[in-house]
């Protein structure tokens, strides 16, 4: 159970078919940031009836994981 934002592959395919790459990148960015909020919310809403879910802790860990990818990966790859 998770929100699944678009990935690099969708942007590459958009480029290959000469579509609007800027729009694809913007939609990927928006959906990635929305996933940070929606994943804990959907998990709490849909799974909490069967399994106890700490939505706040899930939100914090999702935010930390996203921050690491956005902040440190480009630095290590020299972008």
PDB file of N, CA and C in Angstrom:
ATOM      1  N   UNK A   1       0.853  -1.170   0.000  1.00  0.00           N
ATOM      2  CA  UNK A   1       0.000   0.000   0.000  1.00  0.00           C
ATOM      3  C   UNK A   1       0.899   1.233   0.000  1.00  0.00           C
ATOM      4  N   UNK A   2       0.855   2.002  -1.051  1.00  0.00           N
ATOM      5  CA  UNK A   2       1.638   3.234  -1.121  1.00  0.00           C
ATOM      6  C   UNK A   2       1.116   4.096  -2.249  1.00  0.00           C
ATOM      7  N   UNK A   3       1.482   5.331  -2.193  1.00  0.00           N
ATOM      8  CA  UNK A   3       1.245   6.213  -3.331  1.00  0.00           C
ATOM      9  C   UNK A   3       2.433   6.037  -4.251  1.00  0.00           C
ATOM     10  N   UNK A   4       2.180   5.916  -5.515  1.00  0.00           N
ATOM     11  CA  UNK A   4       3.255   5.612  -6.463  1.00  0.00           C
ATOM     12  C   UNK A   4       3.454   6.775  -7.431  1.00  0.00           C
ATOM     13  N   UNK A   5       4.393   7.635  -7.138  1.00  0.00           N
ATOM     14  CA  UNK A   5       4.642   8.742  -8.064  1.00  0.00           C
ATOM     15  C   UNK A   5       5.299   8.245  -9.341  1.00  0.00           C
ATOM     16  N   UNK A   6       5.199   9.058 -10.394  1.00  0.00           N
ATOM     17  CA  UNK A   6       5.865   8.724 -11.656  1.00  0.00           C
ATOM     18  C   UNK A   6       7.364   8.695 -11.454  1.00  0.00           C
ATOM     19  N   UNK A   7       8.046   8.016 -12.309  1.00  0.00           N
ATOM     20  CA  UNK A   7       9.492   7.894 -12.154  1.00  0.00           C
ATOM     21  C   UNK A   7      10.229   8.401 -13.374  1.00  0.00           C
ATOM     22  N   UNK A   8      11.517   8.156 -13.376  1.00  0.00           N
ATOM     23  CA  UNK A   8      12.369   8.601 -14.466  1.00  0.00           C
ATOM     24  C   UNK A   8      11.945   7.974 -15.787  1.00  0.00           C
ATOM     25  N   UNK A   9      11.504   6.739 -15.746  1.00  0.00           N
ATOM     26  CA  UNK A   9      11.107   6.055 -16.982  1.00  0.00           C
ATOM     27  C   UNK A   9       9.983   6.800 -17.700  1.00  0.00           C
ATOM     28  N   UNK A  10       9.025   7.323 -16.957  1.00  0.00           N
ATOM     29  CA  UNK A  10       7.931   8.050 -17.605  1.00  0.00           C
ATOM     30  C   UNK A  10       8.443   9.317 -18.280  1.00  0.00           C
ATOM     31  N   UNK A  11       9.425   9.964 -17.670  1.00  0.00           N
ATOM     32  CA  UNK A  11       9.991  11.165 -18.282  1.00  0.00           C
ATOM     33  C   UNK A  11      10.796  10.816 -19.538  1.00  0.00           C
ATOM     34  N   UNK A  12      11.493   9.700 -19.517  1.00  0.00           N
ATOM     35  CA  UNK A  12      12.265   9.262 -20.693  1.00  0.00           C
ATOM     36  C   UNK A  12      11.324   8.913 -21.839  1.00  0.00           C
ATOM     37  N   UNK A  13      10.260   8.184 -21.537  1.00  0.00           N
ATOM     38  CA  UNK A  13       9.289   7.832 -22.579  1.00  0.00           C
ATOM     39  C   UNK A  13       8.643   9.091 -23.149  1.00  0.00           C
ATOM     40  N   UNK A  14       8.334  10.046 -22.292  1.00  0.00           N
ATOM     41  CA  UNK A  14       7.776  11.318 -22.749  1.00  0.00           C
ATOM     42  C   UNK A  14       8.732  12.002 -23.716  1.00  0.00           C
ATOM     43  N   UNK A  15      10.010  11.987 -23.395  1.00  0.00           N
ATOM     44  CA  UNK A  15      11.024  12.573 -24.275  1.00  0.00           C
ATOM     45  C   UNK A  15      11.098  11.827 -25.607  1.00  0.00           C
ATOM     46  N   UNK A  16      11.070  10.504 -25.554  1.00  0.00           N
ATOM     47  CA  UNK A  16      11.209   9.688 -26.766  1.00  0.00           C
ATOM     48  C   UNK A  16      10.058   9.883 -27.749  1.00  0.00           C
ATOM     49  N   UNK A  17       8.870  10.174 -27.248  1.00  0.00           N
ATOM     50  CA  UNK A  17       7.718  10.367 -28.133  1.00  0.00           C
ATOM     51  C   UNK A  17       7.463  11.845 -28.427  1.00  0.00           C
ATOM     52  N   UNK A  18       8.445  12.680 -28.099  1.00  0.00           N
ATOM     53  CA  UNK A  18       8.378  14.126 -28.364  1.00  0.00           C
ATOM     54  C   UNK A  18       7.154  14.793 -27.739  1.00  0.00           C
ATOM     55  N   UNK A  19       6.818  14.384 -26.532  1.00  0.00           N
ATOM     56  CA  UNK A  19       5.707  15.003 -25.805  1.00  0.00           C
ATOM     57  C   UNK A  19       6.256  16.120 -24.912  1.00  0.00           C
ATOM     58  N   UNK A  20       5.424  16.654 -24.063  1.00  0.00           N
ATOM     59  CA  UNK A  20       5.785  17.786 -23.209  1.00  0.00           C
ATOM     60  C   UNK A  20       6.588  17.294 -22.002  1.00  0.00           C
ATOM     61  N   UNK A  21       7.918  17.331 -22.121  1.00  0.00           N
ATOM     62  CA  UNK A  21       8.801  16.821 -21.069  1.00  0.00           C
ATOM     63  C   UNK A  21       8.700  17.672 -19.802  1.00  0.00           C
ATOM     64  N   UNK A  22       8.597  18.987 -19.967  1.00  0.00           N
ATOM     65  CA  UNK A  22       8.497  19.868 -18.794  1.00  0.00           C
ATOM     66  C   UNK A  22       7.249  19.531 -17.971  1.00  0.00           C
ATOM     67  N   UNK A  23       6.146  19.267 -18.647  1.00  0.00           N
ATOM     68  CA  UNK A  23       4.921  18.886 -17.949  1.00  0.00           C
ATOM     69  C   UNK A  23       5.101  17.550 -17.235  1.00  0.00           C
ATOM     70  N   UNK A  24       5.747  16.605 -17.890  1.00  0.00           N
ATOM     71  CA  UNK A  24       5.980  15.291 -17.281  1.00  0.00           C
ATOM     72  C   UNK A  24       6.849  15.403 -16.034  1.00  0.00           C
ATOM     73  N   UNK A  25       7.905  16.196 -16.107  1.00  0.00           N
ATOM     74  CA  UNK A  25       8.793  16.383 -14.949  1.00  0.00           C
ATOM     75  C   UNK A  25       8.046  17.068 -13.810  1.00  0.00           C
ATOM     76  N   UNK A  26       7.234  18.079 -14.151  1.00  0.00           N
ATOM     77  CA  UNK A  26       6.476  18.796 -13.120  1.00  0.00           C
ATOM     78  C   UNK A  26       5.464  17.869 -12.449  1.00  0.00           C
ATOM     79  N   UNK A  27       4.774  17.038 -13.227  1.00  0.00           N
ATOM     80  CA  UNK A  27       3.798  16.108 -12.653  1.00  0.00           C
ATOM     81  C   UNK A  27       4.498  15.057 -11.791  1.00  0.00           C
ATOM     82  N   UNK A  28       5.675  14.603 -12.213  1.00  0.00           N
ATOM     83  CA  UNK A  28       6.447  13.649 -11.410  1.00  0.00           C
ATOM     84  C   UNK A  28       6.852  14.279 -10.083  1.00  0.00           C
ATOM     85  N   UNK A  29       7.283  15.526 -10.113  1.00  0.00           N
ATOM     86  CA  UNK A  29       7.679  16.233  -8.893  1.00  0.00           C
ATOM     87  C   UNK A  29       6.498  16.394  -7.939  1.00  0.00           C
ATOM     88  N   UNK A  30       5.369  16.839  -8.462  1.00  0.00           N
ATOM     89  CA  UNK A  30       4.186  17.046  -7.629  1.00  0.00           C
ATOM     90  C   UNK A  30       3.716  15.717  -7.020  1.00  0.00           C
ATOM     91  N   UNK A  31       3.681  14.665  -7.829  1.00  0.00           N
ATOM     92  CA  UNK A  31       3.211  13.379  -7.297  1.00  0.00           C
ATOM     93  C   UNK A  31       4.177  12.795  -6.276  1.00  0.00           C
ATOM     94  N   UNK A  32       5.471  13.065  -6.434  1.00  0.00           N
ATOM     95  CA  UNK A  32       6.451  12.596  -5.451  1.00  0.00           C
ATOM     96  C   UNK A  32       6.236  13.282  -4.105  1.00  0.00           C
ATOM     97  N   UNK A  33       6.038  14.593  -4.131  1.00  0.00           N
ATOM     98  CA  UNK A  33       5.786  15.311  -2.877  1.00  0.00           C
ATOM     99  C   UNK A  33       4.437  14.924  -2.272  1.00  0.00           C
ATOM    100  N   UNK A  34       3.432  14.690  -3.112  1.00  0.00           N
ATOM    101  CA  UNK A  34       2.119  14.268  -2.606  1.00  0.00           C
ATOM    102  C   UNK A  34       2.201  12.890  -1.956  1.00  0.00           C
ATOM    103  N   UNK A  35       3.060  12.033  -2.473  1.00  0.00           N
ATOM    104  CA  UNK A  35       3.197  10.680  -1.926  1.00  0.00           C
ATOM    105  C   UNK A  35       3.699  10.703  -0.488  1.00  0.00           C
ATOM    106  N   UNK A  36       4.489  11.713  -0.137  1.00  0.00           N
ATOM    107  CA  UNK A  36       5.008  11.821   1.233  1.00  0.00           C
ATOM    108  C   UNK A  36       3.854  12.007   2.225  1.00  0.00           C
ATOM    109  N   UNK A  37       2.826  12.711   1.803  1.00  0.00           N
ATOM    110  CA  UNK A  37       1.667  12.941   2.671  1.00  0.00           C
ATOM    111  C   UNK A  37       0.635  11.829   2.515  1.00  0.00           C
ATOM    112  N   UNK A  38       0.397  11.406   1.278  1.00  0.00           N
ATOM    113  CA  UNK A  38      -0.681  10.456   1.014  1.00  0.00           C
ATOM    114  C   UNK A  38      -0.378   9.039   1.500  1.00  0.00           C
ATOM    115  N   UNK A  39       0.875   8.624   1.486  1.00  0.00           N
ATOM    116  CA  UNK A  39       1.191   7.259   1.928  1.00  0.00           C
ATOM    117  C   UNK A  39       0.796   7.030   3.391  1.00  0.00           C
ATOM    118  N   UNK A  40       1.213   7.890   4.325  1.00  0.00           N
ATOM    119  CA  UNK A  40       0.756   7.677   5.714  1.00  0.00           C
ATOM    120  C   UNK A  40      -0.759   7.830   5.879  1.00  0.00           C
ATOM    121  N   UNK A  41      -1.350   8.784   5.154  1.00  0.00           N
ATOM    122  CA  UNK A  41      -2.792   9.004   5.267  1.00  0.00           C
ATOM    123  C   UNK A  41      -3.574   7.781   4.775  1.00  0.00           C
ATOM    124  N   UNK A  42      -3.215   7.266   3.606  1.00  0.00           N
ATOM    125  CA  UNK A  42      -3.910   6.086   3.085  1.00  0.00           C
ATOM    126  C   UNK A  42      -3.662   4.858   3.946  1.00  0.00           C
ATOM    127  N   UNK A  43      -2.450   4.721   4.438  1.00  0.00           N
ATOM    128  CA  UNK A  43      -2.144   3.582   5.298  1.00  0.00           C
ATOM    129  C   UNK A  43      -2.979   3.642   6.571  1.00  0.00           C
ATOM    130  N   UNK A  44      -3.041   4.795   7.186  1.00  0.00           N
ATOM    131  CA  UNK A  44      -3.833   4.970   8.407  1.00  0.00           C
ATOM    132  C   UNK A  44      -5.313   4.710   8.131  1.00  0.00           C
ATOM    133  N   UNK A  45      -5.810   5.204   7.007  1.00  0.00           N
ATOM    134  CA  UNK A  45      -7.223   5.074   6.681  1.00  0.00           C
ATOM    135  C   UNK A  45      -7.610   3.651   6.306  1.00  0.00           C
ATOM    136  N   UNK A  46      -6.793   2.997   5.484  1.00  0.00           N
ATOM    137  CA  UNK A  46      -7.183   1.710   4.925  1.00  0.00           C
ATOM    138  C   UNK A  46      -6.679   0.495   5.701  1.00  0.00           C
ATOM    139  N   UNK A  47      -5.562   0.629   6.408  1.00  0.00           N
ATOM    140  CA  UNK A  47      -4.955  -0.531   7.055  1.00  0.00           C
ATOM    141  C   UNK A  47      -5.182  -0.529   8.568  1.00  0.00           C
ATOM    142  N   UNK A  48      -5.452   0.624   9.134  1.00  0.00           N
ATOM    143  CA  UNK A  48      -5.530   0.746  10.588  1.00  0.00           C
ATOM    144  C   UNK A  48      -6.624  -0.108  11.220  1.00  0.00           C
ATOM    145  N   UNK A  49      -7.601  -0.536  10.439  1.00  0.00           N
ATOM    146  CA  UNK A  49      -8.649  -1.395  10.996  1.00  0.00           C
ATOM    147  C   UNK A  49      -8.098  -2.770  11.371  1.00  0.00           C
ATOM    148  N   UNK A  50      -7.019  -3.204  10.711  1.00  0.00           N
ATOM    149  CA  UNK A  50      -6.460  -4.527  10.972  1.00  0.00           C
ATOM    150  C   UNK A  50      -5.153  -4.474  11.753  1.00  0.00           C
ATOM    151  N   UNK A  51      -4.355  -3.456  11.509  1.00  0.00           N
ATOM    152  CA  UNK A  51      -3.022  -3.355  12.094  1.00  0.00           C
ATOM    153  C   UNK A  51      -2.871  -1.956  12.681  1.00  0.00           C
ATOM    154  N   UNK A  52      -2.347  -1.831  13.895  1.00  0.00           N
ATOM    155  CA  UNK A  52      -2.131  -0.491  14.427  1.00  0.00           C
ATOM    156  C   UNK A  52      -1.066   0.244  13.604  1.00  0.00           C
ATOM    157  N   UNK A  53      -1.390   1.473  13.208  1.00  0.00           N
ATOM    158  CA  UNK A  53      -0.492   2.266  12.361  1.00  0.00           C
ATOM    159  C   UNK A  53      -0.236   3.602  13.040  1.00  0.00           C
ATOM    160  N   UNK A  54       1.032   3.939  13.194  1.00  0.00           N
ATOM    161  CA  UNK A  54       1.408   5.251  13.704  1.00  0.00           C
ATOM    162  C   UNK A  54       1.666   6.155  12.490  1.00  0.00           C
ATOM    163  N   UNK A  55       0.638   6.876  12.066  1.00  0.00           N
ATOM    164  CA  UNK A  55       0.716   7.678  10.850  1.00  0.00           C
ATOM    165  C   UNK A  55       1.770   8.774  10.963  1.00  0.00           C
ATOM    166  N   UNK A  56       1.927   9.353  12.144  1.00  0.00           N
ATOM    167  CA  UNK A  56       2.906  10.420  12.324  1.00  0.00           C
ATOM    168  C   UNK A  56       4.330   9.887  12.124  1.00  0.00           C
ATOM    169  N   UNK A  57       4.638   8.751  12.718  1.00  0.00           N
ATOM    170  CA  UNK A  57       5.969   8.157  12.556  1.00  0.00           C
ATOM    171  C   UNK A  57       6.207   7.739  11.111  1.00  0.00           C
ATOM    172  N   UNK A  58       5.179   7.226  10.452  1.00  0.00           N
ATOM    173  CA  UNK A  58       5.292   6.844   9.050  1.00  0.00           C
ATOM    174  C   UNK A  58       5.540   8.071   8.181  1.00  0.00           C
ATOM    175  N   UNK A  59       4.854   9.169   8.471  1.00  0.00           N
ATOM    176  CA  UNK A  59       5.065  10.416   7.740  1.00  0.00           C
ATOM    177  C   UNK A  59       6.502  10.906   7.905  1.00  0.00           C
ATOM    178  N   UNK A  60       6.996  10.896   9.137  1.00  0.00           N
ATOM    179  CA  UNK A  60       8.356  11.369   9.404  1.00  0.00           C
ATOM    180  C   UNK A  60       9.387  10.502   8.687  1.00  0.00           C
ATOM    181  N   UNK A  61       9.229   9.187   8.736  1.00  0.00           N
ATOM    182  CA  UNK A  61      10.197   8.312   8.069  1.00  0.00           C
ATOM    183  C   UNK A  61      10.129   8.455   6.551  1.00  0.00           C
ATOM    184  N   UNK A  62       8.941   8.642   5.995  1.00  0.00           N
ATOM    185  CA  UNK A  62       8.802   8.863   4.551  1.00  0.00           C
ATOM    186  C   UNK A  62       9.439  10.181   4.153  1.00  0.00           C
ATOM    187  N   UNK A  63       9.229  11.208   4.957  1.00  0.00           N
ATOM    188  CA  UNK A  63       9.835  12.513   4.691  1.00  0.00           C
ATOM    189  C   UNK A  63      11.357  12.428   4.763  1.00  0.00           C
ATOM    190  N   UNK A  64      11.884  11.718   5.741  1.00  0.00           N
ATOM    191  CA  UNK A  64      13.332  11.559   5.867  1.00  0.00           C
ATOM    192  C   UNK A  64      13.909  10.809   4.674  1.00  0.00           C
ATOM    193  N   UNK A  65      13.251   9.756   4.242  1.00  0.00           N
ATOM    194  CA  UNK A  65      13.738   8.992   3.088  1.00  0.00           C
ATOM    195  C   UNK A  65      13.727   9.848   1.830  1.00  0.00           C
ATOM    196  N   UNK A  66      12.680  10.628   1.638  1.00  0.00           N
ATOM    197  CA  UNK A  66      12.606  11.504   0.467  1.00  0.00           C
ATOM    198  C   UNK A  66      13.684  12.572   0.533  1.00  0.00           C
ATOM    199  N   UNK A  67      13.917  13.112   1.726  1.00  0.00           N
ATOM    200  CA  UNK A  67      14.935  14.155   1.896  1.00  0.00           C
ATOM    201  C   UNK A  67      16.327  13.624   1.563  1.00  0.00           C
ATOM    202  N   UNK A  68      16.612  12.409   1.984  1.00  0.00           N
ATOM    203  CA  UNK A  68      17.922  11.811   1.707  1.00  0.00           C
ATOM    204  C   UNK A  68      18.129  11.667   0.210  1.00  0.00           C
ATOM    205  N   UNK A  69      17.116  11.177  -0.486  1.00  0.00           N
ATOM    206  CA  UNK A  69      17.240  10.983  -1.932  1.00  0.00           C
ATOM    207  C   UNK A  69      17.419  12.321  -2.647  1.00  0.00           C
ATOM    208  N   UNK A  70      16.633  13.312  -2.281  1.00  0.00           N
ATOM    209  CA  UNK A  70      16.695  14.612  -2.955  1.00  0.00           C
ATOM    210  C   UNK A  70      17.970  15.370  -2.598  1.00  0.00           C
ATOM    211  N   UNK A  71      18.459  15.223  -1.376  1.00  0.00           N
ATOM    212  CA  UNK A  71      19.593  16.024  -0.912  1.00  0.00           C
ATOM    213  C   UNK A  71      20.954  15.385  -1.154  1.00  0.00           C
ATOM    214  N   UNK A  72      21.078  14.116  -0.820  1.00  0.00           N
ATOM    215  CA  UNK A  72      22.401  13.507  -0.801  1.00  0.00           C
ATOM    216  C   UNK A  72      22.782  12.751  -2.069  1.00  0.00           C
ATOM    217  N   UNK A  73      21.832  12.147  -2.722  1.00  0.00           N
ATOM    218  CA  UNK A  73      22.152  11.371  -3.921  1.00  0.00           C
ATOM    219  C   UNK A  73      22.746  12.255  -5.023  1.00  0.00           C
ATOM    220  N   UNK A  74      22.143  13.418  -5.346  1.00  0.00           N
ATOM    221  CA  UNK A  74      22.766  14.263  -6.372  1.00  0.00           C
ATOM    222  C   UNK A  74      24.176  14.734  -5.997  1.00  0.00           C
ATOM    223  N   UNK A  75      24.427  14.966  -4.713  1.00  0.00           N
ATOM    224  CA  UNK A  75      25.744  15.403  -4.271  1.00  0.00           C
ATOM    225  C   UNK A  75      26.775  14.297  -4.466  1.00  0.00           C
ATOM    226  N   UNK A  76      26.372  13.066  -4.194  1.00  0.00           N
ATOM    227  CA  UNK A  76      27.322  11.954  -4.338  1.00  0.00           C
ATOM    228  C   UNK A  76      27.576  11.629  -5.800  1.00  0.00           C
ATOM    229  N   UNK A  77      26.620  11.963  -6.664  1.00  0.00           N
ATOM    230  CA  UNK A  77      26.790  11.710  -8.092  1.00  0.00           C
ATOM    231  C   UNK A  77      27.336  12.932  -8.827  1.00  0.00           C
ATOM    232  N   UNK A  78      27.663  13.982  -8.074  1.00  0.00           N
ATOM    233  CA  UNK A  78      28.242  15.226  -8.608  1.00  0.00           C
ATOM    234  C   UNK A  78      27.340  15.936  -9.598  1.00  0.00           C
ATOM    235  N   UNK A  79      26.061  16.117  -9.228  1.00  0.00           N
ATOM    236  CA  UNK A  79      25.151  16.878 -10.071  1.00  0.00           C
ATOM    237  C   UNK A  79      25.115  18.308  -9.621  1.00  0.00           C
TER     238      UNK A  79
END
